[in-house]
N, C-alpha and C. Protein backbone atom coordinates (compact mmCIF):
# COMPACT_ATOMS: atom_id res chain seq x y z
N MET A 1 6.73 -1.01 35.67
CA MET A 1 6.65 -2.51 35.38
C MET A 1 6.32 -3.13 36.96
N GLU A 2 6.76 -2.55 37.90
CA GLU A 2 6.79 -2.92 39.08
C GLU A 2 5.08 -2.99 39.72
N ASN A 3 4.44 -2.28 39.34
CA ASN A 3 3.03 -2.03 39.63
C ASN A 3 2.04 -3.15 39.23
N LEU A 4 2.71 -3.95 38.35
CA LEU A 4 1.75 -5.10 37.59
C LEU A 4 1.27 -6.06 38.71
N SER A 5 0.15 -6.68 38.52
CA SER A 5 -0.21 -7.44 39.29
C SER A 5 0.39 -9.00 38.91
N PHE A 6 0.35 -9.89 39.48
CA PHE A 6 0.94 -11.17 39.21
C PHE A 6 0.51 -11.60 38.00
N GLU A 7 -0.85 -11.63 37.84
CA GLU A 7 -1.46 -12.13 36.58
C GLU A 7 -0.95 -11.50 35.48
N GLU A 8 -0.91 -9.96 35.53
CA GLU A 8 -0.54 -9.08 34.30
C GLU A 8 1.12 -9.56 34.14
N SER A 9 1.86 -9.70 34.99
CA SER A 9 3.01 -9.92 34.95
C SER A 9 3.30 -11.33 34.20
N LEU A 10 2.65 -12.33 34.59
CA LEU A 10 2.43 -13.71 34.16
C LEU A 10 2.13 -13.65 32.63
N GLU A 11 1.29 -12.78 32.25
CA GLU A 11 0.66 -12.72 31.01
C GLU A 11 1.77 -12.06 30.10
N LYS A 12 2.28 -10.85 30.51
CA LYS A 12 3.55 -10.43 29.82
C LYS A 12 4.70 -11.34 29.59
N LEU A 13 4.85 -12.26 30.62
CA LEU A 13 5.95 -13.11 30.44
C LEU A 13 5.61 -14.21 29.22
N GLU A 14 4.55 -14.56 29.32
CA GLU A 14 4.07 -15.58 28.43
C GLU A 14 4.22 -14.88 27.12
N GLU A 15 3.78 -13.91 26.99
CA GLU A 15 3.94 -13.11 25.57
C GLU A 15 5.29 -13.10 24.99
N ILE A 16 6.22 -12.85 25.97
CA ILE A 16 7.69 -12.71 25.69
C ILE A 16 8.23 -14.12 25.25
N VAL A 17 7.86 -15.21 26.23
CA VAL A 17 8.19 -16.54 25.86
C VAL A 17 7.76 -16.95 24.25
N ASN A 18 6.72 -16.56 24.06
CA ASN A 18 5.88 -16.92 22.75
C ASN A 18 6.76 -16.29 21.72
N LYS A 19 6.97 -15.05 21.97
CA LYS A 19 7.81 -14.37 20.72
C LYS A 19 9.03 -14.82 20.53
N LEU A 20 9.83 -15.31 21.59
CA LEU A 20 11.01 -15.75 21.61
C LEU A 20 11.12 -17.08 21.04
N GLU A 21 10.10 -17.93 21.30
CA GLU A 21 9.93 -19.36 20.82
C GLU A 21 9.95 -19.31 19.11
N ASN A 22 9.21 -18.36 18.72
CA ASN A 22 9.02 -18.08 17.37
C ASN A 22 10.24 -18.00 16.33
N GLY A 23 11.38 -17.38 17.18
CA GLY A 23 12.67 -17.20 16.75
C GLY A 23 12.66 -16.32 15.52
N ASP A 24 11.56 -15.28 15.42
CA ASP A 24 11.71 -14.28 14.59
C ASP A 24 12.33 -12.99 15.00
N VAL A 25 13.06 -13.11 16.42
CA VAL A 25 13.49 -11.89 16.98
C VAL A 25 14.89 -11.85 16.63
N PRO A 26 15.39 -10.57 16.16
CA PRO A 26 16.92 -10.50 16.03
C PRO A 26 17.60 -10.60 17.40
N LEU A 27 18.84 -10.92 17.45
CA LEU A 27 19.41 -11.21 18.60
C LEU A 27 19.45 -10.21 19.58
N ASP A 28 19.67 -8.92 19.15
CA ASP A 28 19.74 -7.56 20.05
C ASP A 28 18.40 -7.61 20.69
N ASP A 29 17.38 -7.70 19.86
CA ASP A 29 15.91 -7.63 20.59
C ASP A 29 15.60 -8.81 21.65
N ALA A 30 16.29 -9.88 21.19
CA ALA A 30 16.02 -11.09 22.01
C ALA A 30 16.60 -11.06 23.34
N ILE A 31 17.85 -10.29 23.42
CA ILE A 31 18.45 -10.06 24.60
C ILE A 31 17.57 -9.01 25.48
N GLU A 32 17.03 -8.04 24.99
CA GLU A 32 16.11 -7.03 25.51
C GLU A 32 14.86 -7.77 25.95
N GLU A 33 14.60 -8.59 25.29
CA GLU A 33 13.21 -9.32 25.69
C GLU A 33 13.41 -10.28 26.90
N PHE A 34 14.69 -10.80 26.70
CA PHE A 34 15.11 -11.76 27.90
C PHE A 34 15.28 -11.01 29.12
N LYS A 35 15.74 -9.70 29.12
CA LYS A 35 16.08 -8.91 30.28
C LYS A 35 14.61 -8.59 30.81
N LYS A 36 13.54 -8.10 29.97
CA LYS A 36 12.32 -7.77 30.34
C LYS A 36 11.68 -8.96 31.04
N ALA A 37 11.70 -10.30 30.60
CA ALA A 37 11.36 -11.58 31.03
C ALA A 37 12.05 -11.85 32.34
N MET A 38 13.16 -11.45 32.72
CA MET A 38 13.73 -11.76 33.82
C MET A 38 13.15 -10.82 34.87
N ASP A 39 13.02 -9.63 34.70
CA ASP A 39 12.35 -8.64 35.65
C ASP A 39 10.84 -9.22 35.86
N LEU A 40 10.32 -9.59 34.83
CA LEU A 40 8.94 -10.14 35.32
C LEU A 40 8.78 -11.56 36.18
N VAL A 41 9.89 -12.18 35.92
CA VAL A 41 10.11 -13.44 36.85
C VAL A 41 10.40 -12.80 38.31
N LYS A 42 11.07 -11.94 38.35
CA LYS A 42 11.40 -11.42 39.72
C LYS A 42 10.07 -10.74 40.43
N ILE A 43 9.34 -10.10 39.58
CA ILE A 43 7.97 -9.68 39.99
C ILE A 43 7.03 -10.78 40.46
N CYS A 44 6.99 -11.78 39.69
CA CYS A 44 6.13 -12.78 40.04
C CYS A 44 6.75 -13.57 41.35
N ASN A 45 7.89 -13.83 41.43
CA ASN A 45 8.63 -14.50 42.70
C ASN A 45 8.44 -13.67 43.96
N ASP A 46 8.41 -12.37 43.61
CA ASP A 46 8.26 -11.51 44.85
C ASP A 46 6.82 -11.50 45.21
N LYS A 47 5.91 -11.38 44.45
CA LYS A 47 4.60 -11.37 44.65
C LYS A 47 4.10 -12.98 45.28
N LEU A 48 4.57 -13.95 44.74
CA LEU A 48 4.27 -15.17 45.52
C LEU A 48 4.74 -15.44 46.64
N ASN A 49 6.07 -14.82 47.14
CA ASN A 49 6.97 -14.79 48.32
C ASN A 49 5.92 -13.95 49.36
N ASP A 50 5.27 -12.88 48.68
CA ASP A 50 4.52 -12.00 49.67
C ASP A 50 3.34 -12.77 50.15
N ALA A 51 2.66 -13.31 49.12
CA ALA A 51 1.38 -14.20 49.42
C ALA A 51 1.81 -15.43 50.33
N GLU A 52 2.94 -16.07 50.27
CA GLU A 52 3.41 -17.10 51.00
C GLU A 52 3.43 -16.69 52.65
N GLU A 53 3.94 -15.60 52.61
CA GLU A 53 4.06 -14.89 54.11
C GLU A 53 2.83 -14.55 54.61
N SER A 54 1.97 -14.03 53.74
CA SER A 54 0.62 -13.65 54.24
C SER A 54 -0.03 -14.85 54.73
N ILE A 55 0.04 -15.95 54.03
CA ILE A 55 -0.72 -17.29 54.61
C ILE A 55 0.01 -18.05 55.46
N ALA A 56 1.14 -17.69 55.91
CA ALA A 56 2.16 -18.57 56.53
C ALA A 56 1.61 -18.83 57.97
N LYS A 57 0.74 -17.82 58.45
CA LYS A 57 0.32 -17.96 59.96
C LYS A 57 -1.10 -18.52 59.57
N ILE A 58 -1.40 -19.47 60.50
CA ILE A 58 -2.68 -19.99 60.75
C ILE A 58 -3.19 -19.70 61.98
N VAL A 59 -4.48 -19.32 62.00
CA VAL A 59 -5.07 -19.33 63.18
C VAL A 59 -5.78 -20.55 63.56
N LYS A 60 -5.32 -21.01 64.75
CA LYS A 60 -6.05 -22.40 65.22
C LYS A 60 -7.30 -22.02 65.78
N ASP A 61 -7.98 -23.07 66.16
CA ASP A 61 -9.48 -22.97 66.79
C ASP A 61 -9.31 -21.84 68.17
N ASN A 62 -8.38 -22.15 68.84
CA ASN A 62 -8.21 -21.27 70.03
C ASN A 62 -7.61 -19.96 69.85
N GLY A 63 -7.60 -19.53 68.63
CA GLY A 63 -6.95 -18.16 68.34
C GLY A 63 -5.60 -18.09 68.30
N GLU A 64 -4.80 -18.98 68.57
CA GLU A 64 -3.49 -18.98 68.84
C GLU A 64 -2.79 -18.74 67.35
N ILE A 65 -1.81 -17.82 66.90
CA ILE A 65 -1.19 -17.89 65.76
C ILE A 65 -0.15 -18.74 65.78
N VAL A 66 -0.21 -19.62 64.63
CA VAL A 66 1.12 -20.64 64.61
C VAL A 66 1.78 -20.41 63.14
N GLU A 67 3.11 -20.35 63.28
CA GLU A 67 3.84 -20.18 62.17
C GLU A 67 3.26 -21.52 61.24
N PHE A 68 3.13 -21.42 59.80
CA PHE A 68 3.05 -22.43 58.95
C PHE A 68 4.32 -23.00 58.46
N ASN A 69 4.44 -24.27 58.67
CA ASN A 69 5.68 -24.80 58.05
C ASN A 69 5.39 -25.95 57.06
N SER A 70 5.71 -25.67 55.94
CA SER A 70 5.21 -26.58 54.72
C SER A 70 5.76 -27.97 54.92
N SER A 71 6.76 -28.29 55.90
CA SER A 71 7.23 -29.54 55.86
C SER A 71 6.47 -30.34 56.92
N GLN A 72 5.41 -29.62 57.42
CA GLN A 72 4.46 -30.36 58.42
C GLN A 72 3.49 -31.52 57.98
């Protein structure tokens, strides 16, 4: 599951949420689906954090690398 792209992980997460929202899932299966969903959330979060780190450095006109601070 770790090799999924962000989009694939998000799609699978949406499928699980839809399945659980329907309420037709036995409790034991719902717990397993919830565990899978939490793994997918972690994958999405990790990928978002990686993307944030990748764009956190901005190259100014003079070529200086500046740390991006979202509070600026």
